[in-house]
Amino acid sequence: MNAFSVPASETGVPSSCSSPGPAAGPAVVGLHTLAVNQPARVVDLAAAEDGDESLLLRLMEIGFLPGELVRIVATGFPGPDPLAVRVGQATFALRRHEASRVLVETGVRT
């Protein structure tokens, strides 16, 4: 750590969400940032800003659990919503703000 580094715990950003260094593993990003057909693995669900936990419960119930493989198979037209997301063997439509709650690691080989 150099004089300008701040541990992730002091910034309020979970260490799994910190930007990776040169020797770090795969990047952790929101599901909504993936390119179409880019494979990823679910790592965690981010808490909703408004404190409403029902969205997180719904995401867990439909299969967005740590370790599950996911990918975006299509996006809406003409706008960006909804996203067609494949998790396991099922495909779901999610709004971008819903997909942003799903934290995934990129660089996964299927």
N, C-alpha and C. Protein backbone atom coordinates (compact mmCIF):
# COMPACT_ATOMS: atom_id res chain seq x y z
N MET A 1 0.85 -1.16 0.00
CA MET A 1 0.00 0.00 0.00
C MET A 1 0.89 1.22 0.00
N ASN A 2 0.62 2.18 -0.88
CA ASN A 2 1.42 3.40 -0.89
C ASN A 2 0.70 4.50 -0.12
N ALA A 3 1.28 5.69 -0.09
CA ALA A 3 0.72 6.79 0.70
C ALA A 3 -0.65 7.23 0.20
N PHE A 4 -0.99 6.94 -1.04
CA PHE A 4 -2.26 7.38 -1.59
C PHE A 4 -3.33 6.29 -1.58
N SER A 5 -2.96 5.08 -1.20
CA SER A 5 -3.91 3.98 -1.16
C SER A 5 -4.78 4.06 0.08
N VAL A 6 -6.02 3.71 -0.08
CA VAL A 6 -6.95 3.63 1.04
C VAL A 6 -7.53 2.24 1.03
N PRO A 7 -7.44 1.51 2.16
CA PRO A 7 -8.05 0.18 2.17
C PRO A 7 -9.52 0.25 1.80
N ALA A 8 -9.99 -0.76 1.10
CA ALA A 8 -11.39 -0.78 0.64
C ALA A 8 -12.35 -0.62 1.80
N SER A 9 -12.02 -1.15 2.97
CA SER A 9 -12.93 -1.06 4.11
C SER A 9 -13.11 0.38 4.56
N GLU A 10 -12.13 1.26 4.31
CA GLU A 10 -12.25 2.66 4.71
C GLU A 10 -13.02 3.48 3.69
N THR A 11 -13.14 3.01 2.46
CA THR A 11 -13.85 3.75 1.43
C THR A 11 -15.33 3.42 1.42
N GLY A 12 -15.72 2.38 2.14
CA GLY A 12 -17.11 1.96 2.13
C GLY A 12 -17.42 1.01 0.99
N VAL A 13 -16.42 0.68 0.18
CA VAL A 13 -16.59 -0.24 -0.93
C VAL A 13 -16.12 -1.61 -0.48
N PRO A 14 -16.94 -2.64 -0.62
CA PRO A 14 -16.49 -3.98 -0.24
C PRO A 14 -15.23 -4.36 -0.99
N SER A 15 -14.36 -5.11 -0.35
CA SER A 15 -13.10 -5.47 -0.98
C SER A 15 -13.29 -6.22 -2.28
N SER A 16 -14.39 -6.98 -2.42
CA SER A 16 -14.64 -7.71 -3.67
C SER A 16 -14.98 -6.78 -4.82
N CYS A 17 -15.33 -5.52 -4.51
CA CYS A 17 -15.70 -4.57 -5.56
C CYS A 17 -14.57 -3.61 -5.88
N SER A 18 -13.46 -3.70 -5.17
CA SER A 18 -12.33 -2.81 -5.42
C SER A 18 -11.77 -3.10 -6.79
N SER A 19 -11.17 -2.09 -7.40
CA SER A 19 -10.61 -2.30 -8.71
C SER A 19 -9.42 -3.24 -8.60
N PRO A 20 -9.31 -4.19 -9.50
CA PRO A 20 -8.26 -5.18 -9.43
C PRO A 20 -6.91 -4.59 -9.80
N GLY A 21 -5.87 -5.04 -9.13
CA GLY A 21 -4.52 -4.65 -9.45
C GLY A 21 -3.99 -5.53 -10.56
N PRO A 22 -2.73 -5.35 -10.92
CA PRO A 22 -2.18 -6.14 -12.01
C PRO A 22 -2.17 -7.64 -11.73
N ALA A 23 -2.01 -8.04 -10.45
CA ALA A 23 -1.96 -9.46 -10.13
C ALA A 23 -3.28 -9.97 -9.58
N ALA A 24 -4.31 -9.12 -9.57
CA ALA A 24 -5.60 -9.50 -9.01
C ALA A 24 -6.34 -10.43 -9.95
N GLY A 25 -7.37 -11.09 -9.41
CA GLY A 25 -8.18 -12.02 -10.18
C GLY A 25 -9.17 -11.30 -11.06
N PRO A 26 -10.26 -11.98 -11.42
CA PRO A 26 -11.26 -11.40 -12.31
C PRO A 26 -11.93 -10.18 -11.70
N ALA A 27 -12.41 -9.30 -12.56
CA ALA A 27 -13.09 -8.08 -12.11
C ALA A 27 -14.50 -8.41 -11.63
N VAL A 28 -14.96 -7.69 -10.60
CA VAL A 28 -16.33 -7.83 -10.11
C VAL A 28 -17.09 -6.58 -10.54
N VAL A 29 -18.17 -6.79 -11.30
CA VAL A 29 -18.96 -5.69 -11.85
C VAL A 29 -20.45 -6.00 -11.69
N GLY A 30 -21.28 -5.04 -11.97
CA GLY A 30 -22.71 -5.26 -12.00
C GLY A 30 -23.10 -6.02 -13.26
N LEU A 31 -24.09 -6.88 -13.15
CA LEU A 31 -24.55 -7.68 -14.29
C LEU A 31 -24.95 -6.79 -15.47
N HIS A 32 -25.50 -5.62 -15.19
CA HIS A 32 -25.98 -4.73 -16.25
C HIS A 32 -24.85 -4.21 -17.15
N THR A 33 -23.59 -4.34 -16.73
CA THR A 33 -22.47 -3.84 -17.53
C THR A 33 -21.90 -4.87 -18.50
N LEU A 34 -22.36 -6.11 -18.42
CA LEU A 34 -21.83 -7.15 -19.30
C LEU A 34 -22.25 -6.92 -20.75
N ALA A 35 -21.38 -7.36 -21.65
CA ALA A 35 -21.74 -7.37 -23.06
C ALA A 35 -22.62 -8.59 -23.33
N VAL A 36 -23.37 -8.56 -24.41
CA VAL A 36 -24.22 -9.69 -24.78
C VAL A 36 -23.34 -10.93 -24.99
N ASN A 37 -23.77 -12.04 -24.39
CA ASN A 37 -23.11 -13.35 -24.46
C ASN A 37 -21.76 -13.43 -23.75
N GLN A 38 -21.44 -12.47 -22.91
CA GLN A 38 -20.21 -12.54 -22.10
C GLN A 38 -20.51 -13.36 -20.85
N PRO A 39 -19.83 -14.49 -20.66
CA PRO A 39 -20.10 -15.32 -19.48
C PRO A 39 -19.56 -14.68 -18.21
N ALA A 40 -20.26 -14.91 -17.11
CA ALA A 40 -19.84 -14.40 -15.81
C ALA A 40 -20.40 -15.34 -14.74
N ARG A 41 -19.94 -15.13 -13.52
CA ARG A 41 -20.40 -15.95 -12.39
C ARG A 41 -20.89 -15.00 -11.30
N VAL A 42 -22.06 -15.30 -10.72
CA VAL A 42 -22.61 -14.48 -9.64
C VAL A 42 -21.71 -14.60 -8.42
N VAL A 43 -21.39 -13.44 -7.82
CA VAL A 43 -20.59 -13.41 -6.60
C VAL A 43 -21.42 -13.01 -5.40
N ASP A 44 -22.32 -12.02 -5.60
CA ASP A 44 -23.09 -11.49 -4.48
C ASP A 44 -24.24 -10.65 -5.03
N LEU A 45 -25.11 -10.23 -4.13
CA LEU A 45 -26.18 -9.28 -4.47
C LEU A 45 -25.92 -8.01 -3.66
N ALA A 46 -26.01 -6.86 -4.31
CA ALA A 46 -25.79 -5.58 -3.64
C ALA A 46 -27.10 -5.10 -3.02
N ALA A 47 -27.00 -4.51 -1.86
CA ALA A 47 -28.18 -3.99 -1.16
C ALA A 47 -28.82 -2.86 -1.97
N ALA A 48 -30.13 -2.80 -1.94
CA ALA A 48 -30.87 -1.75 -2.63
C ALA A 48 -30.68 -0.42 -1.91
N GLU A 49 -30.62 0.68 -2.67
CA GLU A 49 -30.42 2.00 -2.07
C GLU A 49 -31.55 2.39 -1.13
N ASP A 50 -32.76 2.04 -1.48
CA ASP A 50 -33.91 2.47 -0.68
C ASP A 50 -34.19 1.55 0.50
N GLY A 51 -33.36 0.54 0.70
CA GLY A 51 -33.54 -0.37 1.83
C GLY A 51 -34.60 -1.42 1.61
N ASP A 52 -35.24 -1.44 0.43
CA ASP A 52 -36.26 -2.42 0.13
C ASP A 52 -35.58 -3.74 -0.23
N GLU A 53 -35.73 -4.74 0.61
CA GLU A 53 -35.08 -6.02 0.41
C GLU A 53 -35.88 -6.97 -0.48
N SER A 54 -37.09 -6.58 -0.88
CA SER A 54 -37.92 -7.48 -1.69
C SER A 54 -37.29 -7.78 -3.05
N LEU A 55 -36.59 -6.82 -3.64
CA LEU A 55 -35.92 -7.05 -4.92
C LEU A 55 -34.83 -8.10 -4.75
N LEU A 56 -34.04 -8.00 -3.68
CA LEU A 56 -32.98 -8.98 -3.45
C LEU A 56 -33.55 -10.37 -3.23
N LEU A 57 -34.65 -10.46 -2.50
CA LEU A 57 -35.29 -11.75 -2.29
C LEU A 57 -35.79 -12.34 -3.60
N ARG A 58 -36.38 -11.50 -4.44
CA ARG A 58 -36.88 -11.97 -5.74
C ARG A 58 -35.74 -12.48 -6.60
N LEU A 59 -34.62 -11.74 -6.63
CA LEU A 59 -33.47 -12.18 -7.42
C LEU A 59 -32.92 -13.52 -6.93
N MET A 60 -32.87 -13.69 -5.61
CA MET A 60 -32.40 -14.97 -5.06
C MET A 60 -33.37 -16.10 -5.40
N GLU A 61 -34.67 -15.83 -5.32
CA GLU A 61 -35.67 -16.86 -5.60
C GLU A 61 -35.63 -17.34 -7.04
N ILE A 62 -35.29 -16.44 -7.98
CA ILE A 62 -35.27 -16.86 -9.39
C ILE A 62 -33.91 -17.42 -9.81
N GLY A 63 -32.94 -17.47 -8.88
CA GLY A 63 -31.71 -18.19 -9.18
C GLY A 63 -30.42 -17.41 -9.19
N PHE A 64 -30.44 -16.13 -8.87
CA PHE A 64 -29.20 -15.36 -8.85
C PHE A 64 -28.50 -15.57 -7.52
N LEU A 65 -27.85 -16.73 -7.41
CA LEU A 65 -27.16 -17.14 -6.20
C LEU A 65 -25.66 -17.23 -6.48
N PRO A 66 -24.83 -16.99 -5.46
CA PRO A 66 -23.38 -17.07 -5.66
C PRO A 66 -22.97 -18.40 -6.30
N GLY A 67 -22.11 -18.30 -7.32
CA GLY A 67 -21.62 -19.47 -8.02
C GLY A 67 -22.34 -19.79 -9.32
N GLU A 68 -23.54 -19.23 -9.51
CA GLU A 68 -24.31 -19.50 -10.74
C GLU A 68 -23.69 -18.79 -11.94
N LEU A 69 -23.65 -19.48 -13.07
CA LEU A 69 -23.20 -18.87 -14.32
C LEU A 69 -24.33 -18.03 -14.90
N VAL A 70 -23.99 -16.84 -15.42
CA VAL A 70 -24.98 -15.95 -16.02
C VAL A 70 -24.40 -15.33 -17.29
N ARG A 71 -25.30 -14.86 -18.13
CA ARG A 71 -24.93 -14.08 -19.31
C ARG A 71 -26.15 -13.34 -19.81
N ILE A 72 -25.93 -12.21 -20.43
CA ILE A 72 -27.01 -11.46 -21.06
C ILE A 72 -27.15 -12.00 -22.48
N VAL A 73 -28.37 -12.43 -22.83
CA VAL A 73 -28.57 -13.00 -24.16
C VAL A 73 -29.16 -12.01 -25.15
N ALA A 74 -29.79 -10.94 -24.64
CA ALA A 74 -30.35 -9.92 -25.53
C ALA A 74 -30.68 -8.67 -24.72
N THR A 75 -30.78 -7.56 -25.43
CA THR A 75 -31.22 -6.30 -24.80
C THR A 75 -32.46 -5.81 -25.52
N GLY A 76 -33.16 -4.90 -24.86
CA GLY A 76 -34.39 -4.36 -25.44
C GLY A 76 -34.11 -3.52 -26.68
N PHE A 77 -35.16 -3.31 -27.45
CA PHE A 77 -35.05 -2.46 -28.62
C PHE A 77 -36.27 -1.57 -28.68
N PRO A 78 -36.16 -0.31 -28.85
CA PRO A 78 -34.97 0.46 -29.18
C PRO A 78 -34.19 0.93 -27.97
N GLY A 79 -34.76 0.82 -26.77
CA GLY A 79 -34.08 1.28 -25.57
C GLY A 79 -33.24 0.19 -24.94
N PRO A 80 -32.60 0.50 -23.81
CA PRO A 80 -31.72 -0.46 -23.15
C PRO A 80 -32.44 -1.49 -22.28
N ASP A 81 -33.71 -1.26 -21.98
CA ASP A 81 -34.46 -2.18 -21.12
C ASP A 81 -35.47 -2.96 -21.93
N PRO A 82 -35.82 -4.15 -21.58
CA PRO A 82 -35.24 -4.99 -20.53
C PRO A 82 -34.02 -5.74 -21.05
N LEU A 83 -33.35 -6.44 -20.13
CA LEU A 83 -32.25 -7.34 -20.48
C LEU A 83 -32.77 -8.76 -20.37
N ALA A 84 -32.50 -9.59 -21.35
CA ALA A 84 -32.81 -11.02 -21.25
C ALA A 84 -31.56 -11.67 -20.68
N VAL A 85 -31.70 -12.23 -19.48
CA VAL A 85 -30.55 -12.78 -18.75
C VAL A 85 -30.73 -14.27 -18.56
N ARG A 86 -29.70 -15.03 -18.90
CA ARG A 86 -29.70 -16.48 -18.72
C ARG A 86 -28.96 -16.79 -17.43
N VAL A 87 -29.63 -17.46 -16.50
CA VAL A 87 -29.00 -17.91 -15.26
C VAL A 87 -29.33 -19.39 -15.12
N GLY A 88 -28.31 -20.22 -15.05
CA GLY A 88 -28.54 -21.66 -15.05
C GLY A 88 -29.20 -22.06 -16.36
N GLN A 89 -30.34 -22.74 -16.28
CA GLN A 89 -31.06 -23.19 -17.46
C GLN A 89 -32.29 -22.34 -17.77
N ALA A 90 -32.45 -21.22 -17.07
CA ALA A 90 -33.64 -20.37 -17.25
C ALA A 90 -33.24 -19.00 -17.79
N THR A 91 -34.17 -18.35 -18.47
CA THR A 91 -33.96 -17.01 -19.00
C THR A 91 -35.01 -16.09 -18.40
N PHE A 92 -34.56 -14.92 -17.91
CA PHE A 92 -35.44 -13.95 -17.26
C PHE A 92 -35.24 -12.59 -17.88
N ALA A 93 -36.28 -11.77 -17.84
CA ALA A 93 -36.18 -10.38 -18.25
C ALA A 93 -35.99 -9.54 -17.00
N LEU A 94 -34.95 -8.71 -17.01
CA LEU A 94 -34.67 -7.81 -15.88
C LEU A 94 -34.49 -6.40 -16.39
N ARG A 95 -34.91 -5.44 -15.59
CA ARG A 95 -34.59 -4.04 -15.88
C ARG A 95 -33.13 -3.83 -15.51
N ARG A 96 -32.51 -2.82 -16.12
CA ARG A 96 -31.10 -2.55 -15.84
C ARG A 96 -30.85 -2.27 -14.36
N HIS A 97 -31.76 -1.55 -13.71
CA HIS A 97 -31.52 -1.25 -12.29
C HIS A 97 -31.62 -2.51 -11.44
N GLU A 98 -32.42 -3.49 -11.87
CA GLU A 98 -32.48 -4.78 -11.16
C GLU A 98 -31.19 -5.56 -11.39
N ALA A 99 -30.72 -5.59 -12.64
CA ALA A 99 -29.49 -6.31 -12.97
C ALA A 99 -28.28 -5.69 -12.28
N SER A 100 -28.33 -4.39 -11.99
CA SER A 100 -27.19 -3.74 -11.34
C SER A 100 -26.99 -4.23 -9.91
N ARG A 101 -28.00 -4.84 -9.32
CA ARG A 101 -27.90 -5.38 -7.95
C ARG A 101 -27.16 -6.72 -7.92
N VAL A 102 -27.01 -7.36 -9.09
CA VAL A 102 -26.33 -8.66 -9.17
C VAL A 102 -24.86 -8.40 -9.48
N LEU A 103 -23.97 -8.74 -8.54
CA LEU A 103 -22.54 -8.56 -8.74
C LEU A 103 -21.97 -9.86 -9.31
N VAL A 104 -21.22 -9.71 -10.40
CA VAL A 104 -20.67 -10.88 -11.08
C VAL A 104 -19.18 -10.71 -11.30
N GLU A 105 -18.48 -11.84 -11.43
CA GLU A 105 -17.07 -11.79 -11.81
C GLU A 105 -16.97 -12.16 -13.28
N THR A 106 -16.16 -11.39 -13.99
CA THR A 106 -15.98 -11.63 -15.42
C THR A 106 -14.77 -12.53 -15.62
N GLY A 107 -14.53 -12.88 -16.86
CA GLY A 107 -13.38 -13.72 -17.17
C GLY A 107 -13.60 -15.18 -16.85
N VAL A 108 -14.87 -15.59 -16.79
CA VAL A 108 -15.22 -16.97 -16.47
C VAL A 108 -15.25 -17.78 -17.75
N ARG A 109 -14.69 -18.96 -17.70
CA ARG A 109 -14.75 -19.87 -18.86
C ARG A 109 -15.85 -20.89 -18.61
N THR A 110 -16.66 -21.11 -19.65
CA THR A 110 -17.76 -22.07 -19.50
C THR A 110 -17.44 -23.39 -20.15
